[in-house]
Amino acid sequence: MSTTIKGPAPAPTQLDGSGLRVAIVHSRWNKTVIDALVAGTVSTLKAQGVKESNIAVQSVPGSFELPLACSKVISGSHVQAGATATDLLGGLNLGGSSTPSLMSPHPTSRTATPAPMVAAMPHQPFDAVIAIGVLIKGATMHFEYISETVSHALI
């Protein structure tokens, strides 16, 4: 009797993922299975050195939505990486003059509202996007339709 576990052999060297940005897009359908898969993926990424701050997790209702969501995450990360502004409004001065106004990112007077937060935007697109979905085969052709469509769209 063999004592080995099926699957690929461990990598011969320790991989360094410290400089990688990774997005995980998962479906919410079949929550028990999905939660375990997402947790395992995050755990494996961290074990390979990927920083937790460089792992973004997004969800979609079901597996059918995975291809569109992955496409949006990829294109959004390229736009975000190309942005030169340090705030979400792109550094716009909506006051219409060169002096600070209540609509500018740094107004001179703030009565009851907090000062705007400056978000540090990543300047690198995602290195990888991981799609996680679960389909359960039933008595109808639904499994075949969804799995074929999603597989082709993700490629």
C-alpha atoms as a PDB file:
ATOM      1  CA  MET A   1       0.000   0.000   0.000  1.00  0.00           C
ATOM      2  CA  SER A   2       1.347   3.417  -0.962  1.00  0.00           C
ATOM      3  CA  THR A   3       1.620   6.127   1.685  1.00  0.00           C
ATOM      4  CA  THR A   4       1.861   9.016  -0.777  1.00  0.00           C
ATOM      5  CA  ILE A   5      -0.857  11.541  -1.451  1.00  0.00           C
ATOM      6  CA  LYS A   6      -1.956  12.137  -5.028  1.00  0.00           C
ATOM      7  CA  GLY A   7      -1.154  15.480  -6.583  1.00  0.00           C
ATOM      8  CA  PRO A   8       1.887  17.435  -7.658  1.00  0.00           C
ATOM      9  CA  ALA A   9       5.100  17.051  -5.705  1.00  0.00           C
ATOM     10  CA  PRO A  10       6.153  19.982  -3.533  1.00  0.00           C
ATOM     11  CA  ALA A  11       8.296  22.614  -5.238  1.00  0.00           C
ATOM     12  CA  PRO A  12      12.006  21.712  -4.981  1.00  0.00           C
ATOM     13  CA  THR A  13      12.796  25.208  -3.685  1.00  0.00           C
ATOM     14  CA  GLN A  14      10.930  27.694  -1.512  1.00  0.00           C
ATOM     15  CA  LEU A  15       9.094  30.188  -3.703  1.00  0.00           C
ATOM     16  CA  ASP A  16       9.188  33.914  -2.905  1.00  0.00           C
ATOM     17  CA  GLY A  17       5.851  35.660  -3.407  1.00  0.00           C
ATOM     18  CA  SER A  18       6.705  38.727  -1.319  1.00  0.00           C
ATOM     19  CA  GLY A  19       6.455  41.096  -4.279  1.00  0.00           C
ATOM     20  CA  LEU A  20       3.261  39.671  -5.765  1.00  0.00           C
ATOM     21  CA  ARG A  21      -0.246  41.173  -5.776  1.00  0.00           C
ATOM     22  CA  VAL A  22      -2.956  38.529  -6.055  1.00  0.00           C
ATOM     23  CA  ALA A  23      -6.724  38.850  -6.396  1.00  0.00           C
ATOM     24  CA  ILE A  24      -9.114  36.059  -5.480  1.00  0.00           C
ATOM     25  CA  VAL A  25     -12.599  36.198  -6.993  1.00  0.00           C
ATOM     26  CA  HIS A  26     -14.986  33.597  -5.604  1.00  0.00           C
ATOM     27  CA  SER A  27     -18.629  32.678  -5.885  1.00  0.00           C
ATOM     28  CA  ARG A  28     -20.915  32.734  -2.848  1.00  0.00           C
ATOM     29  CA  TRP A  29     -22.907  29.683  -3.963  1.00  0.00           C
ATOM     30  CA  ASN A  30     -22.060  26.496  -1.981  1.00  0.00           C
ATOM     31  CA  LYS A  31     -20.679  28.620   0.872  1.00  0.00           C
ATOM     32  CA  THR A  32     -19.292  25.780   3.001  1.00  0.00           C
ATOM     33  CA  VAL A  33     -17.089  24.467   0.202  1.00  0.00           C
ATOM     34  CA  ILE A  34     -16.152  27.930  -1.099  1.00  0.00           C
ATOM     35  CA  ASP A  35     -15.102  29.214   2.347  1.00  0.00           C
ATOM     36  CA  ALA A  36     -12.726  26.260   2.752  1.00  0.00           C
ATOM     37  CA  LEU A  37     -11.260  26.775  -0.729  1.00  0.00           C
ATOM     38  CA  VAL A  38     -10.735  30.512  -0.199  1.00  0.00           C
ATOM     39  CA  ALA A  39      -9.150  29.939   3.232  1.00  0.00           C
ATOM     40  CA  GLY A  40      -6.832  27.308   1.758  1.00  0.00           C
ATOM     41  CA  THR A  41      -5.863  29.598  -1.120  1.00  0.00           C
ATOM     42  CA  VAL A  42      -5.078  32.519   1.193  1.00  0.00           C
ATOM     43  CA  SER A  43      -3.123  30.225   3.514  1.00  0.00           C
ATOM     44  CA  THR A  44      -1.068  28.815   0.636  1.00  0.00           C
ATOM     45  CA  LEU A  45      -0.344  32.293  -0.749  1.00  0.00           C
ATOM     46  CA  LYS A  46       0.850  33.474   2.669  1.00  0.00           C
ATOM     47  CA  ALA A  47       3.011  30.353   3.044  1.00  0.00           C
ATOM     48  CA  GLN A  48       4.718  31.322  -0.219  1.00  0.00           C
ATOM     49  CA  GLY A  49       5.467  34.816   1.090  1.00  0.00           C
ATOM     50  CA  VAL A  50       2.612  36.840  -0.404  1.00  0.00           C
ATOM     51  CA  LYS A  51       1.808  39.663   2.010  1.00  0.00           C
ATOM     52  CA  GLU A  52      -1.737  39.727   3.361  1.00  0.00           C
ATOM     53  CA  SER A  53      -2.020  43.371   2.292  1.00  0.00           C
ATOM     54  CA  ASN A  54      -1.323  42.249  -1.307  1.00  0.00           C
ATOM     55  CA  ILE A  55      -4.205  39.754  -1.378  1.00  0.00           C
ATOM     56  CA  ALA A  56      -7.568  41.156  -2.490  1.00  0.00           C
ATOM     57  CA  VAL A  57     -10.686  38.993  -2.110  1.00  0.00           C
ATOM     58  CA  GLN A  58     -13.915  39.746  -3.990  1.00  0.00           C
ATOM     59  CA  SER A  59     -17.095  37.701  -4.266  1.00  0.00           C
ATOM     60  CA  VAL A  60     -19.805  37.244  -6.868  1.00  0.00           C
ATOM     61  CA  PRO A  61     -23.197  35.503  -6.556  1.00  0.00           C
ATOM     62  CA  GLY A  62     -22.332  32.361  -8.532  1.00  0.00           C
ATOM     63  CA  SER A  63     -19.775  30.723 -10.799  1.00  0.00           C
ATOM     64  CA  PHE A  64     -21.415  32.121 -13.933  1.00  0.00           C
ATOM     65  CA  GLU A  65     -20.334  35.647 -12.890  1.00  0.00           C
ATOM     66  CA  LEU A  66     -16.663  34.708 -12.337  1.00  0.00           C
ATOM     67  CA  PRO A  67     -15.351  35.503 -15.852  1.00  0.00           C
ATOM     68  CA  LEU A  68     -16.829  39.015 -15.949  1.00  0.00           C
ATOM     69  CA  ALA A  69     -15.708  39.774 -12.399  1.00  0.00           C
ATOM     70  CA  CYS A  70     -12.160  38.556 -13.093  1.00  0.00           C
ATOM     71  CA  SER A  71     -12.026  40.684 -16.232  1.00  0.00           C
ATOM     72  CA  LYS A  72     -13.193  43.764 -14.279  1.00  0.00           C
ATOM     73  CA  VAL A  73     -10.656  43.120 -11.499  1.00  0.00           C
ATOM     74  CA  ILE A  74      -7.823  42.857 -14.038  1.00  0.00           C
ATOM     75  CA  SER A  75      -8.788  46.001 -15.949  1.00  0.00           C
ATOM     76  CA  GLY A  76      -9.467  47.905 -12.723  1.00  0.00           C
ATOM     77  CA  SER A  77      -6.045  47.051 -11.344  1.00  0.00           C
ATOM     78  CA  HIS A  78      -4.392  48.354 -14.530  1.00  0.00           C
ATOM     79  CA  VAL A  79      -6.301  51.639 -14.255  1.00  0.00           C
ATOM     80  CA  GLN A  80      -5.483  51.900 -10.562  1.00  0.00           C
ATOM     81  CA  ALA A  81      -1.797  51.186 -11.187  1.00  0.00           C
ATOM     82  CA  GLY A  82      -1.656  53.899 -13.858  1.00  0.00           C
ATOM     83  CA  ALA A  83      -3.276  56.553 -11.674  1.00  0.00           C
ATOM     84  CA  THR A  84      -0.996  59.284 -10.411  1.00  0.00           C
ATOM     85  CA  ALA A  85      -3.408  60.785  -7.889  1.00  0.00           C
ATOM     86  CA  THR A  86      -3.174  59.829  -4.238  1.00  0.00           C
ATOM     87  CA  ASP A  87      -6.879  60.215  -3.544  1.00  0.00           C
ATOM     88  CA  LEU A  88      -9.971  58.546  -4.957  1.00  0.00           C
ATOM     89  CA  LEU A  89     -11.172  61.741  -6.670  1.00  0.00           C
ATOM     90  CA  GLY A  90      -7.980  62.063  -8.684  1.00  0.00           C
ATOM     91  CA  GLY A  91      -6.851  65.233  -6.903  1.00  0.00           C
ATOM     92  CA  LEU A  92      -9.700  67.280  -8.370  1.00  0.00           C
ATOM     93  CA  ASN A  93     -10.408  70.762  -7.077  1.00  0.00           C
ATOM     94  CA  LEU A  94     -14.158  71.022  -7.492  1.00  0.00           C
ATOM     95  CA  GLY A  95     -14.280  74.542  -6.078  1.00  0.00           C
ATOM     96  CA  GLY A  96     -13.427  76.197  -9.400  1.00  0.00           C
ATOM     97  CA  SER A  97     -10.653  78.445  -8.067  1.00  0.00           C
ATOM     98  CA  SER A  98      -7.027  78.102  -7.082  1.00  0.00           C
ATOM     99  CA  THR A  99      -7.854  78.707  -3.419  1.00  0.00           C
ATOM    100  CA  PRO A 100      -9.128  75.859  -1.264  1.00  0.00           C
ATOM    101  CA  SER A 101     -12.884  75.540  -0.998  1.00  0.00           C
ATOM    102  CA  LEU A 102     -15.240  73.202   0.827  1.00  0.00           C
ATOM    103  CA  MET A 103     -15.238  70.969  -2.267  1.00  0.00           C
ATOM    104  CA  SER A 104     -11.450  70.742  -2.537  1.00  0.00           C
ATOM    105  CA  PRO A 105      -9.506  67.838  -1.015  1.00  0.00           C
ATOM    106  CA  HIS A 106      -8.021  70.209   1.607  1.00  0.00           C
ATOM    107  CA  PRO A 107     -10.592  72.888   2.502  1.00  0.00           C
ATOM    108  CA  THR A 108      -9.738  75.726   4.864  1.00  0.00           C
ATOM    109  CA  SER A 109     -12.828  75.235   7.037  1.00  0.00           C
ATOM    110  CA  ARG A 110     -14.472  71.995   8.104  1.00  0.00           C
ATOM    111  CA  THR A 111     -17.346  72.439  10.467  1.00  0.00           C
ATOM    112  CA  ALA A 112     -18.828  68.990  11.104  1.00  0.00           C
ATOM    113  CA  THR A 113     -17.180  66.755   8.537  1.00  0.00           C
ATOM    114  CA  PRO A 114     -13.924  64.883   9.037  1.00  0.00           C
ATOM    115  CA  ALA A 115     -10.914  65.663   6.872  1.00  0.00           C
ATOM    116  CA  PRO A 116     -10.659  63.476   3.796  1.00  0.00           C
ATOM    117  CA  MET A 117      -8.514  60.380   4.065  1.00  0.00           C
ATOM    118  CA  VAL A 118      -5.694  59.988   1.553  1.00  0.00           C
ATOM    119  CA  ALA A 119      -5.711  56.424   0.214  1.00  0.00           C
ATOM    120  CA  ALA A 120      -2.428  54.845  -0.825  1.00  0.00           C
ATOM    121  CA  MET A 121      -3.175  53.433  -4.258  1.00  0.00           C
ATOM    122  CA  PRO A 122      -1.123  50.455  -5.430  1.00  0.00           C
ATOM    123  CA  HIS A 123       1.079  51.281  -8.400  1.00  0.00           C
ATOM    124  CA  GLN A 124       1.231  47.753  -9.753  1.00  0.00           C
ATOM    125  CA  PRO A 125      -1.525  45.674 -11.372  1.00  0.00           C
ATOM    126  CA  PHE A 126      -2.370  42.225 -10.058  1.00  0.00           C
ATOM    127  CA  ASP A 127       0.191  39.574 -10.916  1.00  0.00           C
ATOM    128  CA  ALA A 128      -2.463  36.848 -10.721  1.00  0.00           C
ATOM    129  CA  VAL A 129      -6.222  36.554 -10.439  1.00  0.00           C
ATOM    130  CA  ILE A 130      -7.578  33.315  -8.991  1.00  0.00           C
ATOM    131  CA  ALA A 131     -11.180  32.317  -9.744  1.00  0.00           C
ATOM    132  CA  ILE A 132     -12.872  29.961  -7.279  1.00  0.00           C
ATOM    133  CA  GLY A 133     -16.296  28.480  -7.935  1.00  0.00           C
ATOM    134  CA  VAL A 134     -18.100  25.241  -7.170  1.00  0.00           C
ATOM    135  CA  LEU A 135     -20.617  23.487  -9.381  1.00  0.00           C
ATOM    136  CA  ILE A 136     -22.546  20.443  -8.243  1.00  0.00           C
ATOM    137  CA  LYS A 137     -23.724  18.004 -10.893  1.00  0.00           C
ATOM    138  CA  GLY A 138     -27.426  17.323 -10.719  1.00  0.00           C
ATOM    139  CA  ALA A 139     -30.062  15.644 -12.855  1.00  0.00           C
ATOM    140  CA  THR A 140     -30.287  18.484 -15.410  1.00  0.00           C
ATOM    141  CA  MET A 141     -27.823  19.837 -17.991  1.00  0.00           C
ATOM    142  CA  HIS A 142     -27.263  22.971 -15.883  1.00  0.00           C
ATOM    143  CA  PHE A 143     -23.826  21.751 -14.711  1.00  0.00           C
ATOM    144  CA  GLU A 144     -22.605  21.186 -18.288  1.00  0.00           C
ATOM    145  CA  TYR A 145     -23.864  24.551 -19.535  1.00  0.00           C
ATOM    146  CA  ILE A 146     -22.348  26.561 -16.701  1.00  0.00           C
ATOM    147  CA  SER A 147     -19.043  24.673 -16.464  1.00  0.00           C
ATOM    148  CA  GLU A 148     -18.403  24.869 -20.217  1.00  0.00           C
ATOM    149  CA  THR A 149     -19.346  28.547 -20.463  1.00  0.00           C
ATOM    150  CA  VAL A 150     -17.296  29.594 -17.425  1.00  0.00           C
ATOM    151  CA  SER A 151     -14.270  27.507 -18.425  1.00  0.00           C
ATOM    152  CA  HIS A 152     -14.158  28.963 -21.930  1.00  0.00           C
ATOM    153  CA  ALA A 153     -14.680  32.526 -20.693  1.00  0.00           C
ATOM    154  CA  LEU A 154     -11.888  32.267 -18.104  1.00  0.00           C
ATOM    155  CA  ILE A 155      -9.386  31.071 -20.685  1.00  0.00           C
END
